[in-house]
Amino acid sequence: MDVSQEEEKEQTKPKEEETSESEPKTETSPIINSAKEAARELKEATELMKKENDRKEKLMAENMLSGKTEAGSTAKVKEETPKEYKDRIMSGKIE
């Protein structure tokens, strides 16, 4: 073998050892794997809900500050004139 080939083997050998040490060698059961997957999905959903709640809070605060909220206001009832009442009854339209 050439010296360059030996150097290449030496360089690749530690890399293989490093990767094998960083990866766990134990096998996990399918139940544990599915539990980990479910936990990851719950974490993602929780983060999404937090973002949506923050966005909703900002929108509600903006509505309150702009004066467009309906809290504390009463619905305006339109008075029906006698003529409108007569026309509605005569047409047979009942609400």
N, C-alpha and C. Protein backbone atom coordinates (compact mmCIF):
# COMPACT_ATOMS: atom_id res chain seq x y z
N MET A 1 0.82 -1.18 0.00
CA MET A 1 0.00 0.00 0.00
C MET A 1 0.87 1.25 0.00
N ASP A 2 0.28 2.27 -0.62
CA ASP A 2 0.98 3.54 -0.62
C ASP A 2 0.75 4.24 0.71
N VAL A 3 1.55 5.23 0.95
CA VAL A 3 1.41 6.04 2.16
C VAL A 3 0.11 6.83 2.10
N SER A 4 -0.25 7.29 0.92
CA SER A 4 -1.47 8.07 0.78
C SER A 4 -2.71 7.21 1.07
N GLN A 5 -2.70 5.95 0.67
CA GLN A 5 -3.82 5.07 0.94
C GLN A 5 -3.95 4.79 2.44
N GLU A 6 -2.83 4.63 3.10
CA GLU A 6 -2.85 4.41 4.55
C GLU A 6 -3.38 5.64 5.27
N GLU A 7 -3.01 6.82 4.81
CA GLU A 7 -3.50 8.06 5.42
C GLU A 7 -5.00 8.19 5.25
N GLU A 8 -5.48 7.80 4.08
CA GLU A 8 -6.92 7.87 3.83
C GLU A 8 -7.68 6.94 4.77
N LYS A 9 -7.16 5.73 4.97
CA LYS A 9 -7.81 4.79 5.88
C LYS A 9 -7.82 5.33 7.30
N GLU A 10 -6.72 5.93 7.71
CA GLU A 10 -6.65 6.48 9.06
C GLU A 10 -7.62 7.65 9.23
N GLN A 11 -7.79 8.44 8.20
CA GLN A 11 -8.69 9.58 8.28
C GLN A 11 -10.15 9.13 8.32
N THR A 12 -10.48 8.11 7.58
CA THR A 12 -11.87 7.65 7.56
C THR A 12 -12.20 6.82 8.79
N LYS A 13 -11.27 6.19 9.37
CA LYS A 13 -11.52 5.34 10.51
C LYS A 13 -12.03 6.12 11.72
N PRO A 14 -11.43 7.23 12.13
CA PRO A 14 -11.96 7.97 13.29
C PRO A 14 -13.36 8.53 13.03
N LYS A 15 -13.66 8.89 11.82
CA LYS A 15 -14.99 9.40 11.51
C LYS A 15 -16.05 8.34 11.75
N GLU A 16 -15.76 7.13 11.38
CA GLU A 16 -16.70 6.04 11.59
C GLU A 16 -16.90 5.79 13.08
N GLU A 17 -15.83 5.87 13.85
CA GLU A 17 -15.93 5.66 15.29
C GLU A 17 -16.75 6.77 15.95
N GLU A 18 -16.56 8.01 15.50
CA GLU A 18 -17.28 9.13 16.07
C GLU A 18 -18.78 9.00 15.83
N THR A 19 -19.17 8.59 14.65
CA THR A 19 -20.59 8.46 14.35
C THR A 19 -21.22 7.32 15.13
N SER A 20 -20.48 6.25 15.34
CA SER A 20 -21.05 5.12 16.07
C SER A 20 -21.22 5.45 17.55
N GLU A 21 -20.36 6.30 18.10
CA GLU A 21 -20.48 6.68 19.50
C GLU A 21 -21.66 7.62 19.72
N SER A 22 -21.93 8.48 18.77
CA SER A 22 -23.00 9.47 18.95
C SER A 22 -24.38 8.86 18.80
N GLU A 23 -24.52 7.78 18.10
CA GLU A 23 -25.81 7.14 17.90
C GLU A 23 -26.01 6.06 18.97
N PRO A 24 -27.16 6.03 19.61
CA PRO A 24 -27.39 4.98 20.61
C PRO A 24 -27.55 3.62 19.93
N LYS A 25 -27.06 2.60 20.59
CA LYS A 25 -27.09 1.26 20.00
C LYS A 25 -28.29 0.46 20.48
N THR A 26 -29.02 0.97 21.46
CA THR A 26 -30.15 0.20 21.98
C THR A 26 -31.36 0.38 21.08
N GLU A 27 -32.13 -0.67 20.97
CA GLU A 27 -33.36 -0.63 20.18
C GLU A 27 -34.50 -0.23 21.09
N THR A 28 -35.43 0.56 20.55
CA THR A 28 -36.59 0.95 21.33
C THR A 28 -37.80 0.21 20.81
N SER A 29 -38.75 0.01 21.68
CA SER A 29 -39.94 -0.73 21.28
C SER A 29 -40.84 0.17 20.44
N PRO A 30 -41.74 -0.42 19.66
CA PRO A 30 -42.66 0.36 18.84
C PRO A 30 -43.59 1.23 19.68
N ILE A 31 -43.90 0.79 20.88
CA ILE A 31 -44.77 1.57 21.75
C ILE A 31 -44.07 2.87 22.16
N ILE A 32 -42.80 2.76 22.49
CA ILE A 32 -42.04 3.95 22.87
C ILE A 32 -41.90 4.89 21.68
N ASN A 33 -41.65 4.32 20.51
CA ASN A 33 -41.53 5.15 19.31
C ASN A 33 -42.83 5.90 19.02
N SER A 34 -43.96 5.21 19.15
CA SER A 34 -45.23 5.88 18.88
C SER A 34 -45.53 6.92 19.94
N ALA A 35 -45.13 6.68 21.18
CA ALA A 35 -45.33 7.67 22.25
C ALA A 35 -44.48 8.91 21.99
N LYS A 36 -43.27 8.70 21.54
CA LYS A 36 -42.40 9.84 21.23
C LYS A 36 -42.97 10.64 20.07
N GLU A 37 -43.50 9.95 19.08
CA GLU A 37 -44.11 10.62 17.93
C GLU A 37 -45.33 11.43 18.37
N ALA A 38 -46.15 10.85 19.23
CA ALA A 38 -47.34 11.56 19.73
C ALA A 38 -46.92 12.78 20.54
N ALA A 39 -45.90 12.66 21.34
CA ALA A 39 -45.42 13.78 22.14
C ALA A 39 -44.90 14.90 21.23
N ARG A 40 -44.22 14.53 20.17
CA ARG A 40 -43.70 15.53 19.24
C ARG A 40 -44.86 16.25 18.56
N GLU A 41 -45.89 15.49 18.15
CA GLU A 41 -47.05 16.11 17.50
C GLU A 41 -47.79 17.04 18.46
N LEU A 42 -47.90 16.63 19.72
CA LEU A 42 -48.56 17.49 20.72
C LEU A 42 -47.77 18.78 20.94
N LYS A 43 -46.47 18.66 20.96
CA LYS A 43 -45.62 19.84 21.15
C LYS A 43 -45.80 20.81 19.99
N GLU A 44 -45.84 20.29 18.76
CA GLU A 44 -46.05 21.13 17.58
C GLU A 44 -47.43 21.80 17.63
N ALA A 45 -48.44 21.04 18.02
CA ALA A 45 -49.79 21.59 18.10
C ALA A 45 -49.88 22.67 19.18
N THR A 46 -49.20 22.46 20.29
CA THR A 46 -49.20 23.44 21.36
C THR A 46 -48.54 24.73 20.91
N GLU A 47 -47.44 24.63 20.21
CA GLU A 47 -46.75 25.82 19.70
C GLU A 47 -47.64 26.57 18.71
N LEU A 48 -48.34 25.83 17.86
CA LEU A 48 -49.24 26.45 16.90
C LEU A 48 -50.38 27.17 17.61
N MET A 49 -50.94 26.55 18.63
CA MET A 49 -52.03 27.17 19.39
C MET A 49 -51.56 28.43 20.10
N LYS A 50 -50.35 28.42 20.63
CA LYS A 50 -49.81 29.60 21.29
C LYS A 50 -49.69 30.76 20.29
N LYS A 51 -49.21 30.46 19.10
CA LYS A 51 -49.08 31.50 18.07
C LYS A 51 -50.45 32.05 17.69
N GLU A 52 -51.43 31.16 17.53
CA GLU A 52 -52.78 31.60 17.16
C GLU A 52 -53.41 32.42 18.28
N ASN A 53 -53.21 32.02 19.53
CA ASN A 53 -53.75 32.78 20.65
C ASN A 53 -53.14 34.17 20.72
N ASP A 54 -51.84 34.26 20.50
CA ASP A 54 -51.18 35.56 20.51
C ASP A 54 -51.74 36.46 19.40
N ARG A 55 -51.95 35.88 18.23
CA ARG A 55 -52.48 36.64 17.11
C ARG A 55 -53.90 37.11 17.42
N LYS A 56 -54.70 36.24 18.00
CA LYS A 56 -56.08 36.59 18.34
C LYS A 56 -56.12 37.68 19.41
N GLU A 57 -55.25 37.59 20.39
CA GLU A 57 -55.19 38.62 21.43
C GLU A 57 -54.85 39.98 20.83
N LYS A 58 -53.91 40.00 19.91
CA LYS A 58 -53.53 41.26 19.27
C LYS A 58 -54.71 41.85 18.49
N LEU A 59 -55.43 40.99 17.77
CA LEU A 59 -56.59 41.47 17.01
C LEU A 59 -57.68 42.01 17.93
N MET A 60 -57.94 41.32 19.04
CA MET A 60 -58.96 41.78 19.99
C MET A 60 -58.55 43.10 20.62
N ALA A 61 -57.29 43.24 20.96
CA ALA A 61 -56.82 44.49 21.55
C ALA A 61 -56.94 45.63 20.54
N GLU A 62 -56.63 45.35 19.31
CA GLU A 62 -56.74 46.37 18.26
C GLU A 62 -58.20 46.79 18.08
N ASN A 63 -59.12 45.83 18.10
CA ASN A 63 -60.54 46.16 17.99
C ASN A 63 -61.02 47.00 19.16
N MET A 64 -60.57 46.66 20.36
CA MET A 64 -60.99 47.41 21.54
C MET A 64 -60.46 48.84 21.48
N LEU A 65 -59.24 49.00 21.05
CA LEU A 65 -58.64 50.33 20.99
C LEU A 65 -59.22 51.18 19.86
N SER A 66 -59.69 50.52 18.81
CA SER A 66 -60.23 51.27 17.68
C SER A 66 -61.67 51.69 17.90
N GLY A 67 -62.32 51.17 18.94
CA GLY A 67 -63.69 51.56 19.24
C GLY A 67 -64.71 50.80 18.43
N LYS A 68 -64.35 49.70 17.85
CA LYS A 68 -65.26 48.93 17.01
C LYS A 68 -65.88 47.74 17.74
N THR A 69 -65.64 47.62 19.02
CA THR A 69 -66.19 46.49 19.75
C THR A 69 -67.66 46.72 20.05
N GLU A 70 -68.39 45.66 20.25
CA GLU A 70 -69.81 45.76 20.51
C GLU A 70 -70.14 45.62 21.99
N ALA A 71 -69.17 45.47 22.83
CA ALA A 71 -69.41 45.28 24.26
C ALA A 71 -70.02 46.54 24.86
N GLY A 72 -71.07 46.35 25.62
CA GLY A 72 -71.72 47.48 26.29
C GLY A 72 -72.70 48.24 25.43
N SER A 73 -72.84 47.90 24.18
CA SER A 73 -73.78 48.61 23.33
C SER A 73 -75.06 47.79 23.19
N THR A 74 -76.16 48.46 22.97
CA THR A 74 -77.43 47.78 22.79
C THR A 74 -77.83 47.83 21.33
N ALA A 75 -78.58 46.84 20.92
CA ALA A 75 -79.03 46.78 19.53
C ALA A 75 -80.12 47.83 19.31
N LYS A 76 -80.04 48.52 18.20
CA LYS A 76 -81.04 49.53 17.89
C LYS A 76 -82.25 48.85 17.27
N VAL A 77 -83.41 49.12 17.83
CA VAL A 77 -84.65 48.54 17.33
C VAL A 77 -85.33 49.59 16.47
N LYS A 78 -85.66 49.19 15.24
CA LYS A 78 -86.31 50.12 14.31
C LYS A 78 -87.81 50.10 14.58
N GLU A 79 -88.37 51.29 14.80
CA GLU A 79 -89.81 51.42 15.00
C GLU A 79 -90.50 51.27 13.65
N GLU A 80 -91.55 50.47 13.64
CA GLU A 80 -92.31 50.26 12.43
C GLU A 80 -93.46 51.28 12.39
N THR A 81 -93.57 51.99 11.29
CA THR A 81 -94.64 52.98 11.15
C THR A 81 -95.96 52.27 10.89
N PRO A 82 -97.08 52.94 11.19
CA PRO A 82 -98.38 52.30 10.93
C PRO A 82 -98.55 51.89 9.47
N LYS A 83 -98.04 52.69 8.54
CA LYS A 83 -98.17 52.35 7.12
C LYS A 83 -97.38 51.08 6.81
N GLU A 84 -96.15 50.96 7.33
CA GLU A 84 -95.34 49.76 7.11
C GLU A 84 -96.02 48.53 7.72
N TYR A 85 -96.62 48.71 8.90
CA TYR A 85 -97.33 47.62 9.55
C TYR A 85 -98.50 47.15 8.69
N LYS A 86 -99.30 48.12 8.19
CA LYS A 86 -100.46 47.80 7.35
C LYS A 86 -100.01 47.06 6.10
N ASP A 87 -98.99 47.57 5.43
CA ASP A 87 -98.49 46.93 4.20
C ASP A 87 -97.99 45.51 4.48
N ARG A 88 -97.31 45.30 5.60
CA ARG A 88 -96.77 43.98 5.93
C ARG A 88 -97.91 42.99 6.20
N ILE A 89 -98.92 43.44 6.95
CA ILE A 89 -100.05 42.56 7.27
C ILE A 89 -100.87 42.26 6.04
N MET A 90 -101.12 43.26 5.19
CA MET A 90 -101.94 43.07 4.00
C MET A 90 -101.25 42.15 2.97
N SER A 91 -99.93 42.14 2.98
CA SER A 91 -99.22 41.29 2.02
C SER A 91 -99.19 39.82 2.49
N GLY A 92 -99.53 39.60 3.75
CA GLY A 92 -99.52 38.24 4.30
C GLY A 92 -98.15 37.80 4.75
N LYS A 93 -97.22 38.71 4.75
CA LYS A 93 -95.85 38.41 5.18
C LYS A 93 -95.78 38.46 6.71
N ILE A 94 -95.51 37.33 7.35
CA ILE A 94 -95.43 37.29 8.80
C ILE A 94 -94.00 36.91 9.17
N GLU A 95 -93.46 37.66 10.09
CA GLU A 95 -92.08 37.40 10.51
C GLU A 95 -92.02 36.54 11.73
